[in-house]
Each structure stands twice: as structure tokens, then as C-alpha cells.
């Protein structure tokens, strides 16, 4: 077996640490999807409407996550992962701690802080891929991140339900805070990506030029809309209104709900590496995978509509499996952005896509929990159809054997 060089070992360490940070972020992203019982109890204690508080807590993260993408992405591209990534992960621990008091107002503030600081994890990882990986490794490396993230999404379903029932909200949050602090310190110690020490005027000049390049490229919009149509609609289902559909259309209790959401996350996790390998090593293409993902997502939403209308649990299971499989090919989205805009704009280009994607998810998480589940499915279906058109007409193939 070949011995790893010092540079390869360091690369492996920093990527492993950034994977851990992204996994933690993914947990925060989906944890509200199984916390309806706790959120309902807390809301009623303070005299608030439970559905309203659920939608706010689910969407607050995504509003903050989407609206701070440009700022964090440009800072990471300019100052490097060591400074920006580790600092924001440290603040992530603070935001997590604010969820512990179980006061709706403080919890919303905590979710906003968590959303803002979480941005650093994925953008730092994407920048690292541009620095250390070859073109034929890009999607598989991204798939690894999504597989790791979906593993924690699995943990944020039935296992999280068990933790909440065993140690309560406070105990669960305490474990998250300790884990986040450890990861923040690890990123600082492991990363060597330290760039400019900072001319502020130069920073703003470069940031403005980078943003102009990304924003006025139709490819950026095509990928971003495609991302919302695929991953965005699926994530909204996982993190907000899916639990309402399962409990109301199929009369499931909170444990059954968490188990079915686990199935979706587990299938998605399994599909990521498979489609990453196919894109990188077999077909050497990106665009067809995003197109397939958006088309198959539309089909999956139709299946879910029929299953919920007929209250058919076997068809529901098929629908969830179809959704998980359909989400797999979408893993090319961040690679399609970075390959189109180069290393200098690696984090900034992905930040643009994430702004469109997660702002869309925030809106969906605000609105869909308050609609009838058939209407929520209809909105998701319409977005999948729109995404198919956007990917087909606006995007270009970005794979290159450079």
C-alpha cells in the first residue's frame, strides 16, 4: 500500500474536518422536521400558533443561510478557510446554545445565528475541492459531502426522536454545542488556507468583479433554479411540511413520521456516491444528471400526490424511494458552478447558487406548512417542471479534462 505524502495527509485531514462541519450543519438543516411535538408544546406554553412557530423555526435558518452566502463566500475566497471558516463555526456553537432555553423568540434568534454561521461549512469544503481535487474527482468528492450530510439527516430523524424522548431538548442541544466547538478548533488547527491579510478596498473591488461575473451568467441562473427544483423542494419536505403530510394524510404518530423521513434520507445518501461516480468516471458530463434529477422529481411529486389522496401506504413508500433516488443526480450542482467560474470564484459562485436555492427553501418553509398538503405537493411539482426548463435552456456542460 502506497504511503501518503505529508501534503496528501494534510489534505485528507482538512477535508475530513470540513466534512464533519458540513454534516453538523445538515443536522441543523433538517432537525426541525421531527420536532413538531416539542415545538407544539413550547408554542402552546407561550400562547403561539404551533404551525406558525414551526414554519418560522424551519425557515429562519434558511433565510439567514441564503442571505449571507455572498458575504461569507467572498470572505472565504479572499481571506481563506483558516480564518473565516473556523471563526464562523465557533459562532455556530453560540447560535446552537440559544436554542436550549426553549423560548420561541430566543429559539428563532438562535436559528438565525445558526443559519448565518452554517454557510462557512459547505463553502469552505467547496473551496477545498477546487484547491485539492482534479476534475474527474469533483462530483464524487461533493457526493461524499452530501452522503455525510445525509447520514446526519438520517440521525436527525428517528435517532433524534429517541434522543429528544430520552434526554430532552436541553441535553440534545448540549451535545451539539460541544461537538461544534470541537470541530471549530479542528478546522483552525488543520487548515493552511490563509490568503490575504487584508486591504479592504481590494477585497471589495475583487468581490464586486467576481459577483458581476457570476450574476450575469445565464448558466448560474439555470443551475440555481435547477437546484431549487430538485434539492430545494426535497429539503423543504424533509425539514418542514413532510411531517405534517405524513401525520395528517396517513395518521402516523411522531415515531412513524421520523422513520419514514429516515427512509428518504437514507436512500438519498446511498444515491449520492453512485451518481457522483457516473458523472466523474463513466459519462464525463454534468448537465444531463441535473436534467434527469428535475424530471424524476416531478414524477415523484405526482406519485406522492396520488398516495396521499388515496392514503395508500405502499404507494407512499414508493414515492419516498422515488424522491430519494431522484435527489441523487442533483449532486452536480455545486460542481457545475465552480467549473464554470474557476478557483478564484469557487466559493463566490457556489454562494450565488446557494442564495437562490436556500432563499427559495426559506420561502417554501414559510408558506407550505400552512397550506393543504395537496397544495404543497402542487407547488413542489410546479417548481420541478420549471427547473427542468431552466436546466435545459440555460445551463451548459462544464466538465473539462484539463
Protein backbone atom coordinates (compact mmCIF):
# COMPACT_ATOMS: atom_id res chain seq x y z
CA UNK A 1 0.00 0.00 0.00
CA UNK A 2 1.38 3.41 -1.00
CA UNK A 3 2.25 5.68 1.91
CA UNK A 4 0.54 9.07 1.83
CA UNK A 5 2.77 12.11 1.46
CA UNK A 6 2.67 14.90 4.04
CA UNK A 7 0.62 17.11 1.71
CA UNK A 8 -1.84 14.31 0.96
CA UNK A 9 -2.21 13.54 4.66
CA UNK A 10 -2.89 17.20 5.45
CA UNK A 11 -5.40 17.37 2.61
CA UNK A 12 -7.18 14.33 3.98
CA UNK A 13 -7.29 15.80 7.48
CA UNK A 14 -8.75 19.18 6.48
CA UNK A 15 -11.31 17.58 4.18
CA UNK A 16 -12.35 15.17 6.94
CA UNK A 17 -12.79 18.05 9.39
CA UNK A 18 -14.78 20.10 6.87
CA UNK A 19 -16.93 17.04 6.15
CA UNK A 20 -17.67 16.83 9.86
CA UNK A 21 -18.63 20.51 9.95
CA UNK A 22 -20.94 20.12 6.95
CA UNK A 23 -22.54 17.04 8.50
CA UNK A 24 -23.29 19.05 11.61
CA UNK A 25 -24.83 21.82 9.51
CA UNK A 26 -27.01 19.27 7.72
CA UNK A 27 -28.30 18.12 11.10
CA UNK A 28 -29.38 21.67 11.92
CA UNK A 29 -30.96 21.97 8.49
CA UNK A 30 -33.31 19.03 8.96
CA UNK A 31 -33.76 18.66 12.72
CA UNK A 32 -36.98 20.70 12.82
CA UNK A 33 -38.51 18.03 10.58
CA UNK A 34 -39.09 15.72 13.57
CA UNK A 35 -39.55 18.27 16.36
CA UNK A 36 -43.23 19.03 15.81
CA UNK A 37 -44.19 17.63 19.25
CA UNK A 38 -41.63 19.77 21.10
CA UNK A 39 -42.34 22.88 19.04
CA UNK A 40 -46.09 22.46 19.54
CA UNK A 41 -45.63 22.12 23.31
CA UNK A 42 -43.35 25.17 23.54
CA UNK A 43 -45.67 27.23 21.30
CA UNK A 44 -48.75 26.48 23.37
CA UNK A 45 -46.86 27.25 26.58
CA UNK A 46 -46.24 30.78 25.28
CA UNK A 47 -49.63 31.15 23.58
CA UNK A 48 -48.40 30.95 19.97
CA UNK A 49 -49.86 29.09 16.99
CA UNK A 50 -47.80 25.84 16.64
CA UNK A 51 -47.91 25.76 12.81
CA UNK A 52 -46.72 29.36 12.67
CA UNK A 53 -43.79 28.74 15.04
CA UNK A 54 -42.86 25.55 13.17
CA UNK A 55 -42.78 27.42 9.86
CA UNK A 56 -40.74 30.28 11.39
CA UNK A 57 -38.19 27.97 13.03
CA UNK A 58 -37.86 25.90 9.87
CA UNK A 59 -37.50 28.93 7.61
CA UNK A 60 -35.43 31.27 9.84
CA UNK A 61 -32.36 29.11 9.29
CA UNK A 62 -32.77 29.23 5.52
CA UNK A 63 -33.40 32.97 5.30
CA UNK A 64 -30.17 33.64 7.19
CA UNK A 65 -28.32 30.91 5.30
CA UNK A 66 -29.34 32.27 1.91
CA UNK A 67 -28.97 36.00 2.51
CA UNK A 68 -25.40 35.75 3.87
CA UNK A 69 -23.99 33.50 1.15
CA UNK A 70 -22.30 36.25 -0.86
CA UNK A 71 -20.69 37.84 2.18
CA UNK A 72 -19.31 34.58 3.56
CA UNK A 73 -18.29 33.20 0.15
CA UNK A 74 -16.33 36.29 -0.79
CA UNK A 75 -14.65 36.39 2.63
CA UNK A 76 -13.56 32.76 2.32
CA UNK A 77 -12.22 33.31 -1.22
CA UNK A 78 -10.28 36.39 -0.07
CA UNK A 79 -9.11 35.55 3.47
CA UNK A 80 -9.09 31.75 3.40
CA UNK A 81 -10.66 28.88 5.30
CA UNK A 82 -8.45 29.02 8.40
CA UNK A 83 -9.63 32.47 9.47
CA UNK A 84 -13.20 32.66 8.24
CA UNK A 85 -14.28 29.03 8.44
CA UNK A 86 -13.11 28.36 11.98
CA UNK A 87 -14.43 31.68 13.33
CA UNK A 88 -17.93 31.19 11.94
CA UNK A 89 -18.05 27.61 13.22
CA UNK A 90 -17.21 28.96 16.66
CA UNK A 91 -20.17 31.33 16.38
CA UNK A 92 -22.28 28.38 15.24
CA UNK A 93 -21.82 26.87 18.70
CA UNK A 94 -23.20 30.10 20.20
CA UNK A 95 -26.24 30.02 17.92
CA UNK A 96 -26.87 26.39 18.84
CA UNK A 97 -26.76 27.29 22.52
CA UNK A 98 -29.53 29.85 22.02
CA UNK A 99 -31.95 27.05 21.13
CA UNK A 100 -31.60 25.49 24.60
CA UNK A 101 -33.79 27.97 26.62
CA UNK A 102 -36.89 26.75 24.72
CA UNK A 103 -38.32 30.25 24.44
CA UNK A 104 -39.80 30.73 20.93
CA UNK A 105 -38.26 34.19 20.46
CA UNK A 106 -34.80 33.14 21.60
CA UNK A 107 -35.04 29.93 19.56
CA UNK A 108 -35.79 31.94 16.40
CA UNK A 109 -32.75 34.16 17.10
CA UNK A 110 -30.68 31.03 17.59
CA UNK A 111 -31.86 29.57 14.29
CA UNK A 112 -30.92 32.82 12.51
CA UNK A 113 -27.40 32.72 14.01
CA UNK A 114 -27.09 29.03 13.12
CA UNK A 115 -28.19 29.74 9.54
CA UNK A 116 -25.72 32.60 9.08
CA UNK A 117 -22.72 30.79 10.53
CA UNK A 118 -23.50 27.46 8.86
CA UNK A 119 -22.70 28.99 5.48
CA UNK A 120 -18.97 28.62 6.15
CA UNK A 121 -19.02 24.82 6.29
CA UNK A 122 -20.10 23.95 2.75
CA UNK A 123 -18.36 26.90 1.08
CA UNK A 124 -15.10 26.04 2.84
CA UNK A 125 -15.43 22.45 1.67
CA UNK A 126 -16.16 23.54 -1.90
CA UNK A 127 -13.14 25.83 -1.91
CA UNK A 128 -11.00 22.94 -0.66
CA UNK A 129 -12.20 20.76 -3.54
CA UNK A 130 -11.14 23.41 -6.04
CA UNK A 131 -7.72 23.57 -4.39
CA UNK A 132 -7.01 19.87 -3.98
CA UNK A 133 -9.09 17.77 -6.41
CA UNK A 134 -8.91 17.01 -10.14
CA UNK A 135 -11.90 17.49 -12.49
CA UNK A 136 -12.60 13.76 -12.61
CA UNK A 137 -12.84 13.70 -8.80
CA UNK A 138 -15.08 16.71 -8.24
CA UNK A 139 -18.58 15.23 -8.17
CA UNK A 140 -17.54 12.17 -6.17
CA UNK A 141 -15.95 14.45 -3.58
CA UNK A 142 -19.11 16.55 -3.50
CA UNK A 143 -21.15 13.36 -3.27
CA UNK A 144 -19.08 12.39 -0.25
CA UNK A 145 -20.15 15.63 1.45
CA UNK A 146 -23.80 15.06 0.64
CA UNK A 147 -23.57 11.44 1.74
CA UNK A 148 -22.04 12.57 5.03
CA UNK A 149 -24.70 15.26 5.33
CA UNK A 150 -27.47 12.81 4.63
CA UNK A 151 -26.05 10.47 7.23
CA UNK A 152 -26.64 13.16 9.81
CA UNK A 153 -30.03 13.83 8.20
CA UNK A 154 -30.76 10.18 8.99
CA UNK A 155 -29.54 10.82 12.55
CA UNK A 156 -31.88 13.83 12.63
CA UNK A 157 -34.91 11.58 12.09
CA UNK A 158 -35.60 8.51 14.22
CA UNK A 159 -32.36 8.67 16.27
CA UNK A 160 -33.04 12.34 17.06
CA UNK A 161 -36.54 11.37 18.11
CA UNK A 162 -35.06 8.86 20.55
CA UNK A 163 -32.60 11.45 21.89
CA UNK A 164 -35.34 14.03 22.42
CA UNK A 165 -37.52 11.48 24.20
CA UNK A 166 -34.55 10.34 26.35
CA UNK A 167 -32.52 13.44 27.29
CA UNK A 168 -34.88 16.19 26.11
CA UNK A 169 -34.18 19.31 24.07
CA UNK A 170 -31.60 20.69 26.52
CA UNK A 171 -29.50 17.52 26.59
CA UNK A 172 -29.58 17.18 22.82
CA UNK A 173 -28.55 20.81 22.29
CA UNK A 174 -25.70 20.48 24.83
CA UNK A 175 -24.24 17.60 22.81
CA UNK A 176 -24.49 19.69 19.62
CA UNK A 177 -22.70 22.64 21.22
CA UNK A 178 -19.79 20.52 22.46
CA UNK A 179 -19.41 18.84 19.07
CA UNK A 180 -19.46 22.19 17.26
CA UNK A 181 -16.74 23.66 19.48
CA UNK A 182 -14.50 20.66 18.82
CA UNK A 183 -14.97 20.95 15.06
CA UNK A 184 -14.27 24.70 15.06
CA UNK A 185 -10.95 24.18 16.83
CA UNK A 186 -10.08 21.33 14.48
CA UNK A 187 -10.68 23.46 11.37
CA UNK A 188 -8.38 26.18 12.70
CA UNK A 189 -5.60 23.69 13.51
CA UNK A 190 -5.90 21.66 10.30
CA UNK A 191 -6.32 24.33 7.62
CA UNK A 192 -3.40 26.06 5.89
CA UNK A 193 -5.61 28.12 3.58
CA UNK A 194 -4.67 31.63 4.71
CA UNK A 195 -4.83 34.18 1.91
CA UNK A 196 -4.79 37.98 2.06
CA UNK A 197 -4.16 39.75 5.35
CA UNK A 198 -6.49 42.37 4.14
CA UNK A 199 -6.68 45.51 2.07
CA UNK A 200 -10.39 46.25 2.48
CA UNK A 201 -10.64 48.28 -0.71
CA UNK A 202 -9.00 45.50 -2.71
CA UNK A 203 -11.36 43.00 -1.11
CA UNK A 204 -14.46 44.95 -2.16
CA UNK A 205 -13.08 45.54 -5.67
CA UNK A 206 -12.42 41.84 -6.23
CA UNK A 207 -15.71 40.84 -4.66
CA UNK A 208 -17.65 43.22 -6.93
CA UNK A 209 -15.91 41.88 -10.03
CA UNK A 210 -16.48 38.27 -9.02
CA UNK A 211 -20.15 38.84 -8.30
CA UNK A 212 -20.68 40.59 -11.62
CA UNK A 213 -19.13 37.66 -13.45
CA UNK A 214 -21.36 35.14 -11.70
CA UNK A 215 -24.65 37.03 -11.58
CA UNK A 216 -24.71 37.97 -15.27
CA UNK A 217 -24.05 34.42 -16.45
CA UNK A 218 -27.28 32.67 -17.51
CA UNK A 219 -25.68 29.35 -16.61
CA UNK A 220 -25.59 30.47 -12.97
CA UNK A 221 -29.33 31.05 -13.01
CA UNK A 222 -30.08 27.78 -14.77
CA UNK A 223 -28.12 25.74 -12.23
CA UNK A 224 -29.57 27.68 -9.30
CA UNK A 225 -33.18 27.25 -10.40
CA UNK A 226 -32.46 23.58 -11.09
CA UNK A 227 -31.05 23.26 -7.59
CA UNK A 228 -34.21 24.73 -6.06
CA UNK A 229 -36.41 22.47 -8.19
CA UNK A 230 -34.59 19.34 -7.02
CA UNK A 231 -32.75 19.60 -3.72
CA UNK A 232 -34.73 22.65 -2.58
CA UNK A 233 -38.16 21.04 -2.83
CA UNK A 234 -36.89 17.81 -1.29
CA UNK A 235 -35.24 19.64 1.60
CA UNK A 236 -38.38 21.66 2.30
CA UNK A 237 -40.33 18.40 2.53
CA UNK A 238 -37.73 16.95 4.93
CA UNK A 239 -37.41 19.97 7.17
CA UNK A 240 -40.94 21.35 7.43
CA UNK A 241 -44.16 20.17 5.80
CA UNK A 242 -43.37 16.49 5.22
CA UNK A 243 -44.08 15.62 8.84
CA UNK A 244 -47.48 17.32 8.58
CA UNK A 245 -48.41 15.36 5.45
CA UNK A 246 -47.38 12.04 6.99
CA UNK A 247 -49.24 12.64 10.23
CA UNK A 248 -52.42 14.01 8.67
CA UNK A 249 -52.79 12.10 5.40
CA UNK A 250 -51.62 8.75 6.80
CA UNK A 251 -52.47 9.12 10.53
CA UNK A 252 -48.88 8.42 11.62
CA UNK A 253 -47.56 9.08 15.09
CA UNK A 254 -44.32 11.01 15.62
CA UNK A 255 -42.16 7.87 15.64
CA UNK A 256 -43.65 6.58 12.36
CA UNK A 257 -43.14 10.04 10.83
CA UNK A 258 -39.47 10.09 11.82
CA UNK A 259 -38.96 6.58 10.45
CA UNK A 260 -40.42 7.43 7.04
CA UNK A 261 -38.31 10.58 6.82
CA UNK A 262 -35.34 8.36 7.68
CA UNK A 263 -36.10 6.21 4.63
CA UNK A 264 -35.99 9.23 2.33
CA UNK A 265 -32.71 10.47 3.80
CA UNK A 266 -31.12 7.01 3.68
CA UNK A 267 -31.96 6.47 0.00
CA UNK A 268 -30.69 9.95 -0.88
CA UNK A 269 -27.45 9.22 1.00
CA UNK A 270 -26.95 5.97 -0.91
CA UNK A 271 -27.58 7.58 -4.31
CA UNK A 272 -25.04 10.41 -3.98
CA UNK A 273 -21.82 8.37 -4.45
CA UNK A 274 -23.38 6.33 -7.25
CA UNK A 275 -24.30 9.33 -9.38
CA UNK A 276 -21.03 11.04 -8.47
CA UNK A 277 -19.10 8.10 -9.91
CA UNK A 278 -21.26 8.03 -13.03
CA UNK A 279 -20.69 11.74 -13.68
CA UNK A 280 -16.94 11.74 -12.99
CA UNK A 281 -15.78 8.41 -14.35
CA UNK A 282 -18.36 6.97 -16.75
CA UNK A 283 -20.19 9.71 -18.66
CA UNK A 284 -17.86 12.69 -18.01
CA UNK A 285 -20.85 15.03 -18.03
CA UNK A 286 -22.76 17.20 -15.55
CA UNK A 287 -25.80 18.73 -17.26
CA UNK A 288 -27.70 15.50 -18.09
CA UNK A 289 -27.64 14.50 -14.43
CA UNK A 290 -29.29 17.70 -13.24
CA UNK A 291 -31.85 17.41 -16.04
CA UNK A 292 -32.66 13.82 -15.04
CA UNK A 293 -32.98 14.86 -11.41
CA UNK A 294 -35.53 17.60 -12.12
CA UNK A 295 -37.63 15.40 -14.43
CA UNK A 296 -37.71 12.49 -11.99
CA UNK A 297 -38.53 14.84 -9.10
CA UNK A 298 -41.68 15.93 -10.98
CA UNK A 299 -42.67 12.28 -11.36
CA UNK A 300 -42.03 11.65 -7.66
CA UNK A 301 -44.26 14.53 -6.57
CA UNK A 302 -47.04 13.13 -8.75
CA UNK A 303 -46.65 9.76 -7.03
CA UNK A 304 -46.79 11.42 -3.62
CA UNK A 305 -49.94 13.32 -4.59
CA UNK A 306 -51.69 10.09 -5.59
CA UNK A 307 -50.51 8.23 -2.49
CA UNK A 308 -51.68 10.99 -0.13
CA UNK A 309 -55.03 11.33 -1.90
CA UNK A 310 -55.69 7.59 -1.64
CA UNK A 311 -53.96 7.20 1.77
CA UNK A 312 -52.02 4.28 0.28
CA UNK A 313 -49.00 3.46 2.45
CA UNK A 314 -47.41 1.10 -0.11
CA UNK A 315 -47.57 3.86 -2.72
CA UNK A 316 -46.24 6.32 -0.14
CA UNK A 317 -43.19 4.10 0.35
CA UNK A 318 -42.65 4.00 -3.41
CA UNK A 319 -42.99 7.79 -3.52
CA UNK A 320 -40.35 8.30 -0.81
CA UNK A 321 -37.98 5.86 -2.51
CA UNK A 322 -38.52 7.69 -5.81
CA UNK A 323 -37.84 11.07 -4.16
CA UNK A 324 -34.60 9.76 -2.63
CA UNK A 325 -33.39 8.31 -5.93
CA UNK A 326 -34.39 11.47 -7.83
CA UNK A 327 -32.38 13.66 -5.47
CA UNK A 328 -29.18 11.70 -6.14
CA UNK A 329 -28.26 13.15 -9.58
CA UNK A 330 -28.58 16.73 -8.32
CA UNK A 331 -25.13 16.43 -6.68
CA UNK A 332 -23.56 18.00 -9.78
CA UNK A 333 -24.94 21.47 -8.95
CA UNK A 334 -22.06 22.95 -6.97
CA UNK A 335 -19.50 21.40 -9.33
CA UNK A 336 -21.31 22.92 -12.33
CA UNK A 337 -20.98 26.33 -10.67
CA UNK A 338 -17.31 26.02 -9.71
CA UNK A 339 -16.20 24.53 -13.03
CA UNK A 340 -17.89 27.37 -14.89
CA UNK A 341 -16.18 30.12 -12.86
CA UNK A 342 -12.78 28.81 -11.72
CA UNK A 343 -10.86 28.58 -8.46
CA UNK A 344 -10.72 32.35 -7.82
CA UNK A 345 -14.53 32.43 -7.64
CA UNK A 346 -15.07 28.93 -6.23
CA UNK A 347 -16.83 29.92 -3.00
CA UNK A 348 -18.46 33.01 -4.53
CA UNK A 349 -20.08 31.08 -7.41
CA UNK A 350 -21.44 28.38 -5.11
CA UNK A 351 -22.61 31.16 -2.79
CA UNK A 352 -24.74 32.64 -5.58
CA UNK A 353 -26.39 29.29 -6.24
CA UNK A 354 -26.96 28.77 -2.53
CA UNK A 355 -28.57 32.21 -2.25
CA UNK A 356 -31.20 31.31 -4.83
CA UNK A 357 -31.57 27.77 -3.51
CA UNK A 358 -31.91 28.44 0.19
CA UNK A 359 -33.86 31.66 -0.12
CA UNK A 360 -36.33 29.59 -2.10
CA UNK A 361 -36.33 26.91 0.61
CA UNK A 362 -36.91 29.59 3.24
CA UNK A 363 -39.98 30.84 1.38
CA UNK A 364 -41.24 27.28 0.90
CA UNK A 365 -40.77 26.53 4.59
CA UNK A 366 -42.68 29.69 5.50
CA UNK A 367 -45.62 29.01 3.19
CA UNK A 368 -46.03 25.26 2.63
CA UNK A 369 -46.65 24.16 6.25
CA UNK A 370 -49.67 26.47 6.29
CA UNK A 371 -51.18 25.08 3.05
CA UNK A 372 -53.13 21.89 2.48
CA UNK A 373 -50.67 19.09 1.78
CA UNK A 374 -52.12 18.62 -1.73
CA UNK A 375 -51.36 22.28 -2.44
CA UNK A 376 -47.83 21.90 -1.04
CA UNK A 377 -47.23 18.97 -3.36
CA UNK A 378 -48.61 21.02 -6.27
CA UNK A 379 -46.15 23.84 -5.59
CA UNK A 380 -43.26 21.35 -5.47
CA UNK A 381 -44.39 19.76 -8.73
CA UNK A 382 -44.61 23.16 -10.47
CA UNK A 383 -41.07 24.01 -9.32
CA UNK A 384 -39.76 20.69 -10.63
CA UNK A 385 -41.26 21.43 -14.05
CA UNK A 386 -39.82 24.97 -14.02
CA UNK A 387 -36.43 23.57 -13.05
CA UNK A 388 -36.47 21.13 -15.94
CA UNK A 389 -36.97 24.01 -18.41
CA UNK A 390 -34.30 26.17 -16.75
CA UNK A 391 -31.67 23.41 -16.79
CA UNK A 392 -32.40 22.50 -20.41
CA UNK A 393 -32.36 26.05 -21.84
CA UNK A 394 -29.95 27.97 -19.60
CA UNK A 395 -27.14 25.68 -18.47
CA UNK A 396 -24.08 24.45 -20.34
CA UNK A 397 -21.83 21.43 -19.93
CA UNK A 398 -18.86 22.27 -17.69
CA UNK A 399 -16.86 19.06 -17.46
CA UNK A 400 -13.31 19.54 -18.73
CA UNK A 401 -10.32 17.17 -18.78
CA UNK A 402 -7.89 20.00 -18.10
